[in-house]
Amino acid sequence: MNFIKSMDWLANHLDDPNVCIIDCRFSLADAQAGEKAYMEGHIPGAFYAHLDRHLSGEKQQHGGRHPLPNVEDVQAVFQSFGITEQTIVVVYDQGEAMFAGRCWWLLSYLGHSHVYILDGGFQEWANRELPVTKEIPTAKPSYFPVNIQTDWLVSIEEVKEAVASGTSVLIDSRAPERYNGEVEPLDRVPGHIPTAVNYFFQEGLQGTSWKDQQQQIDRFRELDNDQPVIVYCGSGVSATPNIIALKEAGFRNVKLYAGSYSDWSSYEDLPIEKKSER
């Protein structure tokens, strides 16, 4: 499997009518920063997808900080970008891979089979002095068929069952200090879901470039790739680069717990651990 497109590939396909580019730049510290950066300059032809407005639903008491959007709403967003089931979609963010990863995961979950992340992100694109524009593209509205891939997602009930039975590996994608419960800037209580092991999502990258397949295989060598894997993070966003990395490494049964730790920790009766599992 390969879910990564190179700078050279995209630079050579900027005028390809069958390619749709989506700019997903975002800052958790400033919800307007990514869109502002997009307006100041983006890859030619790129549409903008905002994490909160387009790639997430409305926050509730439970469900996490970035719940999945309503299917019809996000379908309409992708149709406004002109995406059909034949379109090759390339998504990018500044280079963190987590915001582009969210868009990649959503498109894949909705059944789109030709979606890729741009290796290096906008930072590397700009470093190479490749074309940048302020022009906002328009698209002929399209039909984007939805075919939900139910095996890409788990509910909190399925996570509870995995914790109780040990039949799935739980991967916590957050920084080690949050996994270990040393700090918790966002959620109700520090720590992690019991039985989860920590694989920080940024370890799948070297700077803004993706590690190659063998390096991803080496990262996850302690895991059995025949066992189901459930991946989570704080709010279902930074888990997505680990899902890409696991699939690149040959893991076939990889699911997202979209509510992630922000959902789990919102229930006062659910157990939380702080010690390392690795």
Protein backbone atom coordinates (compact mmCIF):
# COMPACT_ATOMS: atom_id res chain seq x y z
CA MET A 1 0.00 0.00 0.00
CA ASN A 2 1.14 3.51 -0.67
CA PHE A 3 -0.74 6.54 0.58
CA ILE A 4 2.01 9.11 -0.02
CA LYS A 5 2.57 11.29 -3.10
CA SER A 6 5.89 12.99 -3.74
CA MET A 7 6.48 16.69 -4.38
CA ASP A 8 7.68 15.85 -7.88
CA TRP A 9 4.53 13.89 -8.66
CA LEU A 10 2.24 16.73 -7.62
CA ALA A 11 4.35 19.38 -9.32
CA ASN A 12 3.96 17.39 -12.55
CA HIS A 13 0.18 17.02 -12.12
CA LEU A 14 -0.89 20.55 -11.15
CA ASP A 15 -2.79 20.89 -14.44
CA ASP A 16 -4.33 17.42 -14.36
CA PRO A 17 -8.14 17.85 -14.30
CA ASN A 18 -8.48 14.50 -12.51
CA VAL A 19 -6.41 15.67 -9.52
CA CYS A 20 -7.96 17.57 -6.61
CA ILE A 21 -5.67 19.19 -4.03
CA ILE A 22 -6.89 19.99 -0.51
CA ASP A 23 -5.07 22.36 1.85
CA CYS A 24 -5.73 21.33 5.47
CA ARG A 25 -3.40 23.69 7.31
CA PHE A 26 -4.57 24.40 10.84
CA SER A 27 -3.33 25.41 14.27
CA LEU A 28 -4.86 24.04 17.45
CA ALA A 29 -3.70 27.24 19.15
CA ASP A 30 -5.37 29.55 16.61
CA ALA A 31 -8.31 28.18 14.63
CA GLN A 32 -8.02 30.97 12.03
CA ALA A 33 -4.28 30.62 11.35
CA GLY A 34 -4.49 27.86 8.75
CA GLU A 35 -7.13 29.55 6.64
CA LYS A 36 -5.25 32.83 6.86
CA ALA A 37 -2.08 31.09 5.67
CA TYR A 38 -4.06 29.55 2.81
CA MET A 39 -5.32 32.96 1.72
CA GLU A 40 -1.76 34.29 1.78
CA GLY A 41 -0.52 31.54 -0.52
CA HIS A 42 -1.24 27.91 -1.36
CA ILE A 43 -0.45 25.24 -3.92
CA PRO A 44 -2.18 26.17 -7.21
CA GLY A 45 -5.62 24.62 -7.50
CA ALA A 46 -5.88 23.72 -3.81
CA PHE A 47 -9.20 24.02 -2.00
CA TYR A 48 -9.25 24.73 1.74
CA ALA A 49 -10.72 22.35 4.34
CA HIS A 50 -11.00 23.71 7.90
CA LEU A 51 -10.58 21.18 10.71
CA ASP A 52 -13.43 22.56 12.81
CA ARG A 53 -15.89 23.68 10.11
CA HIS A 54 -15.41 20.98 7.48
CA LEU A 55 -13.64 17.96 8.97
CA SER A 56 -15.32 17.80 12.40
CA GLY A 57 -18.82 17.81 13.81
CA GLU A 58 -20.33 19.80 16.64
CA LYS A 59 -18.86 19.14 20.09
CA GLN A 60 -21.15 17.57 22.67
CA GLN A 61 -20.71 16.52 26.30
CA HIS A 62 -19.18 13.25 25.06
CA GLY A 63 -17.69 12.25 21.73
CA GLY A 64 -14.40 14.11 21.94
CA ARG A 65 -13.04 17.51 20.93
CA HIS A 66 -13.17 16.79 17.19
CA PRO A 67 -16.12 14.44 16.63
CA LEU A 68 -16.64 13.15 13.13
CA PRO A 69 -18.76 15.40 10.92
CA ASN A 70 -22.23 14.51 9.71
CA VAL A 71 -21.78 12.34 6.61
CA GLU A 72 -24.06 14.46 4.41
CA ASP A 73 -22.26 17.65 5.46
CA VAL A 74 -18.77 16.41 4.64
CA GLN A 75 -20.05 14.76 1.45
CA ALA A 76 -21.29 18.21 0.37
CA VAL A 77 -17.87 19.72 1.14
CA PHE A 78 -16.07 17.17 -1.05
CA GLN A 79 -18.64 17.59 -3.80
CA SER A 80 -18.04 21.36 -3.73
CA PHE A 81 -14.37 20.57 -4.46
CA GLY A 82 -15.44 18.65 -7.58
CA ILE A 83 -14.43 15.23 -6.25
CA THR A 84 -15.90 12.14 -7.93
CA GLU A 85 -15.06 8.50 -7.26
CA GLN A 86 -12.42 8.65 -10.03
CA THR A 87 -10.66 11.79 -8.72
CA ILE A 88 -7.12 11.47 -7.37
CA VAL A 89 -7.09 13.55 -4.18
CA VAL A 90 -3.85 14.89 -2.65
CA VAL A 91 -4.10 16.45 0.79
CA TYR A 92 -1.51 18.49 2.66
CA ASP A 93 -0.97 20.58 5.78
CA GLN A 94 2.10 22.50 6.92
CA GLY A 95 3.95 19.21 7.33
CA GLU A 96 2.70 17.85 10.67
CA ALA A 97 0.63 15.27 8.74
CA MET A 98 -2.12 15.21 11.38
CA PHE A 99 -4.57 17.65 9.77
CA ALA A 100 -4.01 16.26 6.28
CA GLY A 101 -4.23 12.82 7.89
CA ARG A 102 -7.70 13.63 9.23
CA CYS A 103 -8.87 14.56 5.73
CA TRP A 104 -7.20 11.46 4.25
CA TRP A 105 -8.91 9.26 6.86
CA LEU A 106 -12.34 10.85 6.31
CA LEU A 107 -12.18 10.42 2.55
CA SER A 108 -11.02 6.82 2.98
CA TYR A 109 -13.72 6.12 5.57
CA LEU A 110 -16.36 7.49 3.18
CA GLY A 111 -15.13 5.00 0.59
CA HIS A 112 -12.81 7.05 -1.63
CA SER A 113 -9.96 4.86 -2.84
CA HIS A 114 -7.63 7.40 -4.47
CA VAL A 115 -6.54 9.74 -1.66
CA TYR A 116 -2.94 10.52 -0.75
CA ILE A 117 -0.90 12.73 1.58
CA LEU A 118 1.72 15.05 0.11
CA ASP A 119 5.15 14.07 1.40
CA GLY A 120 6.77 17.05 3.10
CA GLY A 121 3.65 19.20 3.28
CA PHE A 122 3.47 22.88 2.41
CA GLN A 123 6.68 23.63 4.32
CA GLU A 124 8.76 21.49 1.98
CA TRP A 125 6.82 22.72 -1.06
CA ALA A 126 7.72 26.30 -0.13
CA ASN A 127 11.32 25.34 0.71
CA ARG A 128 11.70 23.99 -2.83
CA GLU A 129 10.25 27.23 -4.21
CA LEU A 130 7.55 25.34 -6.09
CA PRO A 131 4.54 27.32 -7.40
CA VAL A 132 2.35 29.14 -4.89
CA THR A 133 -0.72 31.27 -5.61
CA LYS A 134 -3.39 33.34 -3.86
CA GLU A 135 -5.98 32.45 -6.48
CA ILE A 136 -9.03 30.67 -5.05
CA PRO A 137 -10.09 27.79 -7.30
CA THR A 138 -13.65 26.98 -8.32
CA ALA A 139 -15.03 23.58 -9.24
CA LYS A 140 -18.04 22.25 -11.04
CA PRO A 141 -20.16 20.59 -8.33
CA SER A 142 -19.79 16.83 -8.55
CA TYR A 143 -21.35 13.67 -7.21
CA PHE A 144 -19.24 12.10 -4.47
CA PRO A 145 -20.64 8.63 -3.69
CA VAL A 146 -20.45 7.56 -0.05
CA ASN A 147 -19.65 3.95 0.78
CA ILE A 148 -18.91 3.90 4.52
CA GLN A 149 -16.00 1.63 5.45
CA THR A 150 -17.33 0.45 8.79
CA ASP A 151 -14.16 -1.53 9.50
CA TRP A 152 -12.15 1.73 9.73
CA LEU A 153 -13.91 2.96 12.89
CA VAL A 154 -14.65 1.71 16.40
CA SER A 155 -17.13 2.91 19.00
CA ILE A 156 -16.34 3.51 22.65
CA GLU A 157 -18.16 0.23 23.43
CA GLU A 158 -15.74 -1.64 21.17
CA VAL A 159 -12.81 0.05 22.91
CA LYS A 160 -14.18 -1.03 26.29
CA GLU A 161 -14.41 -4.59 24.97
CA ALA A 162 -10.84 -4.43 23.64
CA VAL A 163 -9.56 -3.24 27.02
CA ALA A 164 -11.44 -6.03 28.82
CA SER A 165 -10.58 -8.85 26.43
CA GLY A 166 -7.13 -7.93 25.11
CA THR A 167 -8.18 -9.05 21.65
CA SER A 168 -7.00 -5.79 20.02
CA VAL A 169 -3.86 -3.72 20.41
CA LEU A 170 -4.59 -0.17 21.55
CA ILE A 171 -2.14 2.47 20.32
CA ASP A 172 -1.98 5.91 21.95
CA SER A 173 -0.51 8.35 19.41
CA ARG A 174 0.09 11.29 21.77
CA ALA A 175 3.43 12.59 23.05
CA PRO A 176 4.92 10.36 25.79
CA GLU A 177 4.44 12.96 28.53
CA ARG A 178 0.70 13.03 27.88
CA TYR A 179 0.48 9.25 27.59
CA ASN A 180 2.33 8.89 30.89
CA GLY A 181 0.03 11.39 32.59
CA GLU A 182 2.85 13.83 33.38
CA VAL A 183 0.98 16.69 31.71
CA GLU A 184 -2.54 17.12 30.38
CA PRO A 185 -3.26 20.56 28.91
CA LEU A 186 -6.65 19.73 27.41
CA ASP A 187 -8.55 16.84 28.96
CA ARG A 188 -10.30 16.28 32.28
CA VAL A 189 -7.69 13.96 33.79
CA PRO A 190 -4.15 12.93 32.73
CA GLY A 191 -3.15 9.43 31.67
CA HIS A 192 -4.14 6.91 29.00
CA ILE A 193 -6.65 4.17 28.26
CA PRO A 194 -5.68 0.96 30.10
CA THR A 195 -3.62 -1.57 28.08
CA ALA A 196 -2.68 1.07 25.45
CA VAL A 197 0.91 1.24 24.21
CA ASN A 198 2.49 4.52 23.15
CA TYR A 199 3.69 5.17 19.60
CA PHE A 200 4.03 8.94 19.19
CA PHE A 201 2.74 9.79 15.72
CA GLN A 202 5.67 12.10 14.93
CA GLU A 203 8.01 9.10 15.10
CA GLY A 204 6.62 8.10 11.70
CA LEU A 205 8.18 11.20 10.16
CA GLN A 206 11.67 12.59 9.69
CA GLY A 207 11.03 16.31 9.85
CA THR A 208 8.08 16.72 7.50
CA SER A 209 8.98 13.70 5.33
CA TRP A 210 7.50 10.26 5.82
CA LYS A 211 9.77 7.41 6.83
CA ASP A 212 9.88 4.63 4.24
CA GLN A 213 8.05 1.34 4.47
CA GLN A 214 10.91 -0.59 6.08
CA GLN A 215 11.33 2.09 8.74
CA GLN A 216 7.61 1.89 9.52
CA ILE A 217 7.84 -1.90 9.73
CA ASP A 218 10.74 -1.49 12.17
CA ARG A 219 8.75 1.02 14.28
CA PHE A 220 5.99 -1.50 14.87
CA ARG A 221 8.10 -4.67 14.99
CA GLU A 222 6.92 -5.45 18.54
CA LEU A 223 3.33 -5.76 17.34
CA ASP A 224 1.62 -8.73 15.68
CA ASN A 225 0.29 -7.50 12.35
CA ASP A 226 -2.37 -10.22 12.35
CA GLN A 227 -3.94 -8.74 15.48
CA PRO A 228 -6.57 -5.96 15.19
CA VAL A 229 -5.22 -2.50 16.05
CA ILE A 230 -7.22 0.41 17.47
CA VAL A 231 -5.52 3.80 17.24
CA TYR A 232 -6.39 6.89 19.25
CA CYS A 233 -4.90 10.23 20.28
CA GLY A 234 -6.38 13.24 22.06
CA SER A 235 -9.26 13.90 19.68
CA GLY A 236 -8.96 11.60 16.68
CA VAL A 237 -6.71 13.85 14.59
CA SER A 238 -3.06 13.01 15.32
CA ALA A 239 -3.96 9.29 15.40
CA THR A 240 -4.39 9.36 11.62
CA PRO A 241 -0.68 9.56 10.66
CA ASN A 242 -0.14 6.40 12.73
CA ILE A 243 -2.97 4.70 10.82
CA ILE A 244 -1.21 5.57 7.56
CA ALA A 245 2.12 4.34 8.95
CA LEU A 246 0.59 1.07 10.18
CA LYS A 247 -1.02 0.42 6.82
CA GLU A 248 2.25 1.22 5.07
CA ALA A 249 3.89 -1.33 7.40
CA GLY A 250 1.46 -4.03 6.31
CA PHE A 251 -1.12 -3.98 9.10
CA ARG A 252 -4.50 -4.76 7.57
CA ASN A 253 -6.97 -4.42 10.45
CA VAL A 254 -6.44 -0.86 11.70
CA LYS A 255 -9.29 1.21 13.14
CA LEU A 256 -9.69 4.71 14.56
CA TYR A 257 -11.31 5.49 17.88
CA ALA A 258 -12.51 8.89 16.69
CA GLY A 259 -13.52 10.26 20.10
CA SER A 260 -10.11 9.21 21.43
CA TYR A 261 -8.84 10.15 24.89
CA SER A 262 -10.96 13.32 25.05
CA ASP A 263 -14.05 11.12 24.78
CA TRP A 264 -12.81 8.33 27.08
CA SER A 265 -11.73 10.76 29.82
CA SER A 266 -15.07 12.59 29.68
CA TYR A 267 -16.67 9.61 31.44
CA GLU A 268 -15.84 9.70 35.15
CA ASP A 269 -16.50 5.98 35.57
CA LEU A 270 -13.97 4.75 32.97
CA PRO A 271 -10.51 3.61 34.16
CA ILE A 272 -7.34 5.54 33.35
CA GLU A 273 -3.71 4.45 33.72
CA LYS A 274 -0.53 6.48 33.99
CA LYS A 275 2.30 3.93 33.90
CA SER A 276 4.01 2.99 30.64
CA GLU A 277 2.94 -0.21 28.89
CA ARG A 278 6.14 -0.49 26.82
